């Protein structure tokens, strides 16, 4: 499922889920008997049920058929939409500490990490 990492999935109603990433353990207890493929940055999980892919909404616990196969799911994923912001439009931002440690430009002091 690594081919979906960093991409987003849009369902038929054109709702765009968050950027897909590797699922962190532990998964919610509601998913204990399901095969978790990965999750998105918003806390939704993508699960395998009889070779089909379903999203599991962390807020409602609902799931709906997204794709009849993993291949179809991956082909329906695409890069996230590009958002163009001017510096005065940004109020705050969260930078991943590991990314900041490896950044050559404008490094964050180590004591801030």
N, C-alpha and C. Protein backbone atom coordinates (compact mmCIF):
# COMPACT_ATOMS: atom_id res chain seq x y z
N UNK A 1 0.82 -1.20 0.00
CA UNK A 1 0.00 0.00 0.00
C UNK A 1 0.86 1.25 0.00
N UNK A 2 2.17 1.08 0.00
CA UNK A 2 3.07 2.23 0.00
C UNK A 2 2.85 3.14 -1.21
N UNK A 3 2.33 2.60 -2.31
CA UNK A 3 2.12 3.41 -3.51
C UNK A 3 1.10 4.52 -3.28
N UNK A 4 0.29 4.40 -2.24
CA UNK A 4 -0.70 5.43 -1.93
C UNK A 4 -0.20 6.50 -0.97
N UNK A 5 0.95 6.27 -0.35
CA UNK A 5 1.47 7.23 0.63
C UNK A 5 1.72 8.59 -0.03
N UNK A 6 1.32 9.65 0.67
CA UNK A 6 1.53 11.00 0.17
C UNK A 6 0.48 11.45 -0.83
N UNK A 7 -0.48 10.58 -1.12
CA UNK A 7 -1.54 10.93 -2.06
C UNK A 7 -2.86 11.08 -1.30
N UNK A 8 -3.88 11.51 -2.00
CA UNK A 8 -5.21 11.63 -1.40
C UNK A 8 -6.20 10.82 -2.23
N UNK A 9 -7.28 10.40 -1.58
CA UNK A 9 -8.32 9.65 -2.27
C UNK A 9 -9.56 10.51 -2.32
N UNK A 10 -10.19 10.56 -3.49
CA UNK A 10 -11.47 11.27 -3.65
C UNK A 10 -12.53 10.23 -3.95
N UNK A 11 -13.60 10.24 -3.15
CA UNK A 11 -14.68 9.29 -3.42
C UNK A 11 -15.59 9.84 -4.51
N UNK A 12 -16.64 9.09 -4.84
CA UNK A 12 -17.52 9.47 -5.94
C UNK A 12 -18.21 10.82 -5.70
N UNK A 13 -18.41 11.19 -4.44
CA UNK A 13 -19.05 12.48 -4.16
C UNK A 13 -18.01 13.61 -4.14
N UNK A 14 -16.81 13.33 -4.58
CA UNK A 14 -15.70 14.28 -4.71
C UNK A 14 -15.23 14.80 -3.36
N UNK A 15 -15.49 14.03 -2.30
CA UNK A 15 -14.93 14.38 -1.00
C UNK A 15 -13.49 13.93 -0.99
N UNK A 16 -12.58 14.81 -0.66
CA UNK A 16 -11.16 14.48 -0.64
C UNK A 16 -10.73 14.17 0.78
N UNK A 17 -10.20 12.97 0.96
CA UNK A 17 -9.68 12.57 2.27
C UNK A 17 -8.29 13.18 2.45
N UNK A 18 -7.75 13.07 3.66
CA UNK A 18 -6.43 13.63 3.94
C UNK A 18 -5.33 12.83 3.28
N UNK A 19 -4.12 13.33 3.38
CA UNK A 19 -2.96 12.67 2.78
C UNK A 19 -2.76 11.31 3.45
N UNK A 20 -2.60 10.29 2.62
CA UNK A 20 -2.47 8.91 3.10
C UNK A 20 -1.06 8.67 3.63
N UNK A 21 -1.02 7.96 4.76
CA UNK A 21 0.27 7.62 5.38
C UNK A 21 0.17 6.22 5.99
N UNK A 22 1.31 5.73 6.43
CA UNK A 22 1.36 4.43 7.09
C UNK A 22 0.54 4.50 8.37
N UNK A 23 -0.20 3.47 8.63
CA UNK A 23 -1.04 3.41 9.83
C UNK A 23 -0.18 3.23 11.07
N UNK A 24 -0.46 4.03 12.07
CA UNK A 24 0.24 3.93 13.34
C UNK A 24 -0.51 2.97 14.26
N UNK A 25 0.21 2.18 15.00
CA UNK A 25 -0.40 1.27 15.97
C UNK A 25 -0.48 1.98 17.31
N UNK A 26 -1.44 1.71 18.13
CA UNK A 26 -2.54 0.79 17.89
C UNK A 26 -3.66 1.46 17.11
N UNK A 27 -4.37 0.67 16.36
CA UNK A 27 -5.56 1.16 15.66
C UNK A 27 -6.71 1.25 16.67
N UNK A 28 -7.75 1.99 16.35
CA UNK A 28 -8.91 2.04 17.24
C UNK A 28 -9.46 0.64 17.51
N UNK A 29 -9.99 0.43 18.70
CA UNK A 29 -10.50 -0.89 19.08
C UNK A 29 -11.59 -1.37 18.14
N UNK A 30 -12.35 -0.45 17.52
CA UNK A 30 -13.39 -0.83 16.58
C UNK A 30 -12.83 -1.56 15.36
N UNK A 31 -11.54 -1.40 15.11
CA UNK A 31 -10.91 -2.03 13.94
C UNK A 31 -10.10 -3.27 14.29
N UNK A 32 -10.26 -3.78 15.50
CA UNK A 32 -9.46 -4.91 15.97
C UNK A 32 -9.58 -6.14 15.08
N UNK A 33 -10.75 -6.39 14.51
CA UNK A 33 -10.95 -7.57 13.67
C UNK A 33 -10.93 -7.26 12.18
N UNK A 34 -10.36 -6.13 11.82
CA UNK A 34 -10.30 -5.73 10.41
C UNK A 34 -8.85 -5.57 9.98
N UNK A 35 -8.61 -5.66 8.69
CA UNK A 35 -7.27 -5.47 8.16
C UNK A 35 -7.10 -4.00 7.79
N UNK A 36 -6.29 -3.29 8.58
CA UNK A 36 -6.05 -1.88 8.33
C UNK A 36 -4.93 -1.75 7.31
N UNK A 37 -5.22 -1.03 6.21
CA UNK A 37 -4.21 -0.82 5.17
C UNK A 37 -3.34 0.38 5.49
N UNK A 38 -3.98 1.50 5.83
CA UNK A 38 -3.27 2.73 6.18
C UNK A 38 -4.27 3.72 6.74
N UNK A 39 -3.83 4.93 6.98
CA UNK A 39 -4.70 5.97 7.51
C UNK A 39 -4.40 7.28 6.79
N UNK A 40 -5.26 8.26 7.00
CA UNK A 40 -4.96 9.58 6.45
C UNK A 40 -4.62 10.53 7.59
N UNK A 41 -4.18 11.71 7.23
CA UNK A 41 -3.71 12.67 8.24
C UNK A 41 -4.83 13.19 9.13
N UNK A 42 -6.08 12.89 8.78
CA UNK A 42 -7.22 13.34 9.57
C UNK A 42 -7.70 12.29 10.56
N UNK A 43 -7.07 11.12 10.56
CA UNK A 43 -7.46 10.07 11.50
C UNK A 43 -8.43 9.05 10.95
N UNK A 44 -8.71 9.11 9.66
CA UNK A 44 -9.56 8.10 9.03
C UNK A 44 -8.68 6.92 8.61
N UNK A 45 -9.23 5.73 8.67
CA UNK A 45 -8.49 4.53 8.30
C UNK A 45 -9.06 3.93 7.02
N UNK A 46 -8.19 3.30 6.25
CA UNK A 46 -8.60 2.58 5.06
C UNK A 46 -8.43 1.10 5.37
N UNK A 47 -9.50 0.33 5.19
CA UNK A 47 -9.48 -1.07 5.57
C UNK A 47 -9.76 -1.98 4.39
N UNK A 48 -9.23 -3.20 4.46
CA UNK A 48 -9.44 -4.23 3.45
C UNK A 48 -10.53 -5.15 3.98
N UNK A 49 -11.58 -5.31 3.21
CA UNK A 49 -12.66 -6.21 3.56
C UNK A 49 -13.00 -7.02 2.32
N UNK A 50 -12.61 -8.29 2.33
CA UNK A 50 -12.82 -9.18 1.17
C UNK A 50 -12.20 -8.62 -0.10
N UNK A 51 -11.00 -8.12 0.01
CA UNK A 51 -10.20 -7.58 -1.11
C UNK A 51 -10.71 -6.23 -1.64
N UNK A 52 -11.74 -5.68 -1.02
CA UNK A 52 -12.24 -4.35 -1.40
C UNK A 52 -11.75 -3.35 -0.35
N UNK A 53 -11.69 -2.07 -0.72
CA UNK A 53 -11.18 -1.04 0.18
C UNK A 53 -12.34 -0.17 0.67
N UNK A 54 -12.40 -0.04 1.99
CA UNK A 54 -13.41 0.79 2.65
C UNK A 54 -12.69 1.82 3.51
N UNK A 55 -13.21 3.03 3.59
CA UNK A 55 -12.67 3.97 4.57
C UNK A 55 -13.43 3.77 5.88
N UNK A 56 -12.79 4.01 6.98
CA UNK A 56 -13.46 3.99 8.27
C UNK A 56 -13.34 5.39 8.84
N UNK A 57 -14.47 6.07 8.98
CA UNK A 57 -14.50 7.45 9.47
C UNK A 57 -14.33 7.45 10.97
N UNK A 58 -13.27 8.08 11.47
CA UNK A 58 -12.99 8.08 12.91
C UNK A 58 -14.02 8.86 13.72
N UNK A 59 -14.79 9.73 13.07
CA UNK A 59 -15.79 10.51 13.80
C UNK A 59 -17.13 9.79 13.90
N UNK A 60 -17.49 9.03 12.87
CA UNK A 60 -18.80 8.38 12.85
C UNK A 60 -18.72 6.87 12.96
N UNK A 61 -17.57 6.28 12.68
CA UNK A 61 -17.44 4.83 12.68
C UNK A 61 -18.05 4.18 11.45
N UNK A 62 -18.50 5.00 10.51
CA UNK A 62 -19.13 4.48 9.30
C UNK A 62 -18.08 4.10 8.26
N UNK A 63 -18.46 3.16 7.42
CA UNK A 63 -17.62 2.81 6.28
C UNK A 63 -18.52 2.61 5.06
N UNK A 64 -17.95 2.80 3.90
CA UNK A 64 -18.67 2.63 2.64
C UNK A 64 -17.68 2.11 1.62
N UNK A 65 -18.16 1.35 0.66
CA UNK A 65 -17.27 0.80 -0.36
C UNK A 65 -16.64 1.93 -1.17
N UNK A 66 -15.32 1.91 -1.25
CA UNK A 66 -14.60 2.90 -2.05
C UNK A 66 -14.14 2.31 -3.35
N UNK A 67 -13.55 1.13 -3.26
CA UNK A 67 -12.98 0.51 -4.44
C UNK A 67 -13.12 -1.00 -4.33
N UNK A 68 -13.40 -1.63 -5.44
CA UNK A 68 -13.60 -3.08 -5.44
C UNK A 68 -12.30 -3.85 -5.33
N UNK A 69 -11.17 -3.14 -5.46
CA UNK A 69 -9.86 -3.78 -5.33
C UNK A 69 -8.83 -2.75 -4.86
N UNK A 70 -7.72 -3.24 -4.37
CA UNK A 70 -6.64 -2.36 -3.94
C UNK A 70 -6.09 -1.60 -5.14
N UNK A 71 -5.98 -2.26 -6.28
CA UNK A 71 -5.49 -1.61 -7.49
C UNK A 71 -6.37 -0.44 -7.91
N UNK A 72 -7.67 -0.63 -7.83
CA UNK A 72 -8.60 0.45 -8.18
C UNK A 72 -8.46 1.61 -7.19
N UNK A 73 -8.32 1.28 -5.90
CA UNK A 73 -8.14 2.31 -4.89
C UNK A 73 -6.91 3.16 -5.19
N UNK A 74 -5.80 2.50 -5.46
CA UNK A 74 -4.55 3.22 -5.73
C UNK A 74 -4.67 4.07 -7.00
N UNK A 75 -5.34 3.54 -8.02
CA UNK A 75 -5.48 4.32 -9.25
C UNK A 75 -6.39 5.54 -9.06
N UNK A 76 -7.26 5.50 -8.05
CA UNK A 76 -8.13 6.63 -7.75
C UNK A 76 -7.49 7.65 -6.82
N UNK A 77 -6.26 7.38 -6.41
CA UNK A 77 -5.52 8.33 -5.56
C UNK A 77 -4.71 9.28 -6.45
N UNK A 78 -4.53 10.48 -5.98
CA UNK A 78 -3.74 11.46 -6.74
C UNK A 78 -3.01 12.36 -5.75
N UNK A 79 -2.16 13.20 -6.28
CA UNK A 79 -1.45 14.15 -5.43
C UNK A 79 -2.42 15.13 -4.80
N UNK A 80 -2.10 15.60 -3.59
CA UNK A 80 -3.00 16.57 -2.94
C UNK A 80 -3.04 17.88 -3.72
N UNK A 81 -4.14 18.59 -3.59
CA UNK A 81 -4.29 19.89 -4.26
C UNK A 81 -3.22 20.86 -3.74
N UNK A 82 -2.70 21.65 -4.64
CA UNK A 82 -1.69 22.65 -4.27
C UNK A 82 -2.42 23.89 -3.77
N UNK A 83 -1.99 24.36 -2.61
CA UNK A 83 -2.56 25.57 -2.04
C UNK A 83 -1.48 26.64 -2.08
N UNK A 84 -1.78 27.75 -2.70
CA UNK A 84 -0.81 28.84 -2.84
C UNK A 84 -1.16 29.94 -1.84
N UNK A 85 -0.34 30.08 -0.80
CA UNK A 85 -0.57 31.09 0.23
C UNK A 85 0.55 32.13 0.20
N UNK A 86 0.17 33.35 0.48
CA UNK A 86 1.16 34.41 0.65
C UNK A 86 1.57 34.43 2.12
N UNK A 87 2.79 34.87 2.44
CA UNK A 87 3.24 34.85 3.83
C UNK A 87 2.28 35.52 4.83
N UNK A 88 1.60 36.58 4.42
CA UNK A 88 0.69 37.25 5.35
C UNK A 88 -0.62 36.49 5.55
N UNK A 89 -0.84 35.41 4.80
CA UNK A 89 -2.04 34.59 4.96
C UNK A 89 -1.83 33.44 5.95
N UNK A 90 -0.60 33.20 6.36
CA UNK A 90 -0.28 32.09 7.25
C UNK A 90 -0.21 32.60 8.68
N UNK A 91 -1.08 32.06 9.53
CA UNK A 91 -1.09 32.46 10.93
C UNK A 91 -0.17 31.57 11.77
N UNK A 92 -0.13 30.30 11.46
CA UNK A 92 0.75 29.38 12.17
C UNK A 92 0.97 28.15 11.30
N UNK A 93 1.98 27.38 11.63
CA UNK A 93 2.28 26.16 10.90
C UNK A 93 2.95 25.18 11.83
N UNK A 94 2.72 23.90 11.58
CA UNK A 94 3.40 22.86 12.34
C UNK A 94 4.42 22.21 11.42
N UNK A 95 5.64 22.15 11.89
CA UNK A 95 6.71 21.54 11.11
C UNK A 95 7.12 20.26 11.81
N UNK A 96 7.16 19.17 11.07
CA UNK A 96 7.60 17.91 11.62
C UNK A 96 9.02 18.07 12.15
N UNK A 97 9.27 17.69 13.41
CA UNK A 97 10.61 17.86 14.00
C UNK A 97 11.72 17.20 13.20
N UNK A 98 11.48 16.00 12.66
CA UNK A 98 12.51 15.32 11.88
C UNK A 98 12.85 16.10 10.61
N UNK A 99 11.85 16.69 9.99
CA UNK A 99 12.08 17.50 8.80
C UNK A 99 12.88 18.75 9.17
N UNK A 100 12.52 19.36 10.29
CA UNK A 100 13.21 20.57 10.73
C UNK A 100 14.68 20.29 11.06
N UNK A 101 14.97 19.13 11.64
CA UNK A 101 16.35 18.77 11.98
C UNK A 101 17.22 18.68 10.73
N UNK A 102 16.63 18.23 9.64
CA UNK A 102 17.38 18.02 8.40
C UNK A 102 17.33 19.21 7.45
N UNK A 103 16.69 20.29 7.87
CA UNK A 103 16.54 21.45 7.00
C UNK A 103 17.78 22.33 7.06
N UNK A 104 18.32 22.66 5.91
CA UNK A 104 19.49 23.52 5.86
C UNK A 104 19.09 24.99 5.92
N UNK A 105 17.88 25.31 5.47
CA UNK A 105 17.45 26.70 5.46
C UNK A 105 16.62 27.00 6.70
N UNK A 106 16.94 28.10 7.35
CA UNK A 106 16.19 28.56 8.51
C UNK A 106 16.00 27.46 9.55
N UNK A 107 17.09 26.88 10.05
CA UNK A 107 16.95 25.78 11.00
C UNK A 107 16.32 26.24 12.32
N UNK A 108 15.61 25.33 12.94
CA UNK A 108 15.01 25.56 14.25
C UNK A 108 16.05 25.20 15.31
N UNK A 109 16.22 26.05 16.33
CA UNK A 109 17.18 25.71 17.38
C UNK A 109 16.86 24.36 18.00
N UNK A 110 17.90 23.57 18.31
CA UNK A 110 17.71 22.23 18.85
C UNK A 110 16.89 22.24 20.13
N UNK A 111 17.03 23.28 20.95
CA UNK A 111 16.27 23.31 22.20
C UNK A 111 14.78 23.48 21.96
N UNK A 112 14.39 23.91 20.77
CA UNK A 112 12.97 24.05 20.44
C UNK A 112 12.36 22.74 19.98
N UNK A 113 13.19 21.74 19.67
CA UNK A 113 12.68 20.47 19.16
C UNK A 113 12.38 19.51 20.28
